[in-house]
C-alpha atoms as a PDB file:
ATOM      1  CA  UNK A   1      -1.347  -8.728   7.605  1.00  0.00           C
ATOM      2  CA  UNK A   2      -1.783  -6.333   4.718  1.00  0.00           C
ATOM      3  CA  UNK A   3       0.085  -2.994   4.763  1.00  0.00           C
ATOM      4  CA  UNK A   4       0.613  -3.309   8.528  1.00  0.00           C
ATOM      5  CA  UNK A   5      -3.091  -3.910   9.197  1.00  0.00           C
ATOM      6  CA  UNK A   6      -4.384  -7.116  10.762  1.00  0.00           C
ATOM      7  CA  UNK A   7      -6.803  -9.201   8.727  1.00  0.00           C
ATOM      8  CA  UNK A   8     -10.321  -7.866   9.292  1.00  0.00           C
ATOM      9  CA  UNK A   9      -9.036  -4.478  10.469  1.00  0.00           C
ATOM     10  CA  UNK A  10      -8.758  -2.906   7.012  1.00  0.00           C
ATOM     11  CA  UNK A  11     -11.563  -0.604   5.900  1.00  0.00           C
ATOM     12  CA  UNK A  12     -12.209   1.045   2.539  1.00  0.00           C
ATOM     13  CA  UNK A  13     -10.349   4.201   3.618  1.00  0.00           C
ATOM     14  CA  UNK A  14      -7.137   4.619   1.569  1.00  0.00           C
ATOM     15  CA  UNK A  15      -5.015   6.088   4.400  1.00  0.00           C
ATOM     16  CA  UNK A  16      -5.991   4.027   7.420  1.00  0.00           C
ATOM     17  CA  UNK A  17      -3.567   3.944  10.351  1.00  0.00           C
ATOM     18  CA  UNK A  18      -3.145   0.529  12.046  1.00  0.00           C
ATOM     19  CA  UNK A  19      -4.888   0.195  15.441  1.00  0.00           C
ATOM     20  CA  UNK A  20      -1.612  -0.803  17.119  1.00  0.00           C
ATOM     21  CA  UNK A  21       0.087   2.405  15.956  1.00  0.00           C
ATOM     22  CA  UNK A  22      -2.819   4.589  17.103  1.00  0.00           C
ATOM     23  CA  UNK A  23      -2.835   2.823  20.500  1.00  0.00           C
ATOM     24  CA  UNK A  24       0.789   3.835  21.011  1.00  0.00           C
ATOM     25  CA  UNK A  25       0.134   7.436  19.938  1.00  0.00           C
ATOM     26  CA  UNK A  26      -2.908   7.928  22.178  1.00  0.00           C
ATOM     27  CA  UNK A  27      -1.269   6.259  25.194  1.00  0.00           C
ATOM     28  CA  UNK A  28       1.591   8.789  25.174  1.00  0.00           C
ATOM     29  CA  UNK A  29      -0.712  11.764  24.580  1.00  0.00           C
ATOM     30  CA  UNK A  30      -1.636  13.846  27.624  1.00  0.00           C
ATOM     31  CA  UNK A  31      -5.174  14.951  28.376  1.00  0.00           C
ATOM     32  CA  UNK A  32      -8.585  13.325  28.346  1.00  0.00           C
ATOM     33  CA  UNK A  33      -9.763  14.327  24.874  1.00  0.00           C
ATOM     34  CA  UNK A  34      -8.228  13.504  21.500  1.00  0.00           C
ATOM     35  CA  UNK A  35      -8.923  15.750  18.491  1.00  0.00           C
ATOM     36  CA  UNK A  36      -8.728  14.194  15.028  1.00  0.00           C
ATOM     37  CA  UNK A  37      -9.586  16.833  12.402  1.00  0.00           C
ATOM     38  CA  UNK A  38      -9.467  14.185   9.658  1.00  0.00           C
ATOM     39  CA  UNK A  39     -11.627  11.395  11.144  1.00  0.00           C
ATOM     40  CA  UNK A  40     -11.313   9.176   8.060  1.00  0.00           C
ATOM     41  CA  UNK A  41     -11.721   5.528   8.986  1.00  0.00           C
ATOM     42  CA  UNK A  42     -12.448   6.178  12.680  1.00  0.00           C
ATOM     43  CA  UNK A  43      -9.320   4.499  14.040  1.00  0.00           C
ATOM     44  CA  UNK A  44      -8.722   7.351  16.489  1.00  0.00           C
ATOM     45  CA  UNK A  45     -12.271   7.114  17.815  1.00  0.00           C
ATOM     46  CA  UNK A  46     -12.144   3.336  18.120  1.00  0.00           C
ATOM     47  CA  UNK A  47      -8.869   3.419  20.069  1.00  0.00           C
ATOM     48  CA  UNK A  48     -10.016   6.319  22.256  1.00  0.00           C
ATOM     49  CA  UNK A  49     -13.067   4.281  23.286  1.00  0.00           C
ATOM     50  CA  UNK A  50     -10.894   1.233  24.011  1.00  0.00           C
ATOM     51  CA  UNK A  51      -8.604   3.374  26.196  1.00  0.00           C
ATOM     52  CA  UNK A  52     -11.522   5.115  27.987  1.00  0.00           C
ATOM     53  CA  UNK A  53     -10.638   8.486  26.432  1.00  0.00           C
ATOM     54  CA  UNK A  54     -12.883  11.050  24.777  1.00  0.00           C
ATOM     55  CA  UNK A  55     -12.444  11.853  21.096  1.00  0.00           C
ATOM     56  CA  UNK A  56     -13.646  14.528  18.713  1.00  0.00           C
ATOM     57  CA  UNK A  57     -13.452  13.422  15.093  1.00  0.00           C
ATOM     58  CA  UNK A  58     -14.125  15.777  12.197  1.00  0.00           C
ATOM     59  CA  UNK A  59     -14.931  14.339   8.778  1.00  0.00           C
ATOM     60  CA  UNK A  60     -16.596  15.987   5.774  1.00  0.00           C
ATOM     61  CA  UNK A  61     -17.064  12.929   3.561  1.00  0.00           C
ATOM     62  CA  UNK A  62     -20.445  11.290   4.366  1.00  0.00           C
ATOM     63  CA  UNK A  63     -19.095   7.869   3.335  1.00  0.00           C
ATOM     64  CA  UNK A  64     -16.366   8.081   5.974  1.00  0.00           C
ATOM     65  CA  UNK A  65     -18.758   9.516   8.581  1.00  0.00           C
ATOM     66  CA  UNK A  66     -20.831   6.359   8.090  1.00  0.00           C
ATOM     67  CA  UNK A  67     -17.692   4.226   8.459  1.00  0.00           C
ATOM     68  CA  UNK A  68     -16.754   6.017  11.699  1.00  0.00           C
ATOM     69  CA  UNK A  69     -20.272   5.430  13.008  1.00  0.00           C
ATOM     70  CA  UNK A  70     -19.989   1.686  12.339  1.00  0.00           C
ATOM     71  CA  UNK A  71     -16.502   1.296  13.839  1.00  0.00           C
ATOM     72  CA  UNK A  72     -17.216   3.242  17.003  1.00  0.00           C
ATOM     73  CA  UNK A  73     -20.894   2.337  17.469  1.00  0.00           C
ATOM     74  CA  UNK A  74     -21.485   6.018  18.262  1.00  0.00           C
ATOM     75  CA  UNK A  75     -23.915   8.325  16.470  1.00  0.00           C
ATOM     76  CA  UNK A  76     -21.973  11.419  15.481  1.00  0.00           C
ATOM     77  CA  UNK A  77     -22.978  14.916  16.413  1.00  0.00           C
ATOM     78  CA  UNK A  78     -23.312  17.011  13.291  1.00  0.00           C
ATOM     79  CA  UNK A  79     -22.292  20.659  13.084  1.00  0.00           C
ATOM     80  CA  UNK A  80     -23.061  22.460   9.835  1.00  0.00           C
ATOM     81  CA  UNK A  81     -20.740  25.015   8.319  1.00  0.00           C
END
């Protein structure tokens, strides 16, 4: 374990939340869809998929969008500003 993250779980994102913590947060959250306006490393999306929930992740940094794509195996929808 490194900074609360299991070996192999850590990504290059500097503020990644451990999967176990996000599991607990999403399990107690009501509703079908989770909104994460700072998608970052994609932890929210990964856990939402594992818990059969929908998730909307917003991320401006193309490097992190690519990371989210890899972790969730989902091609993101892109909305321009």
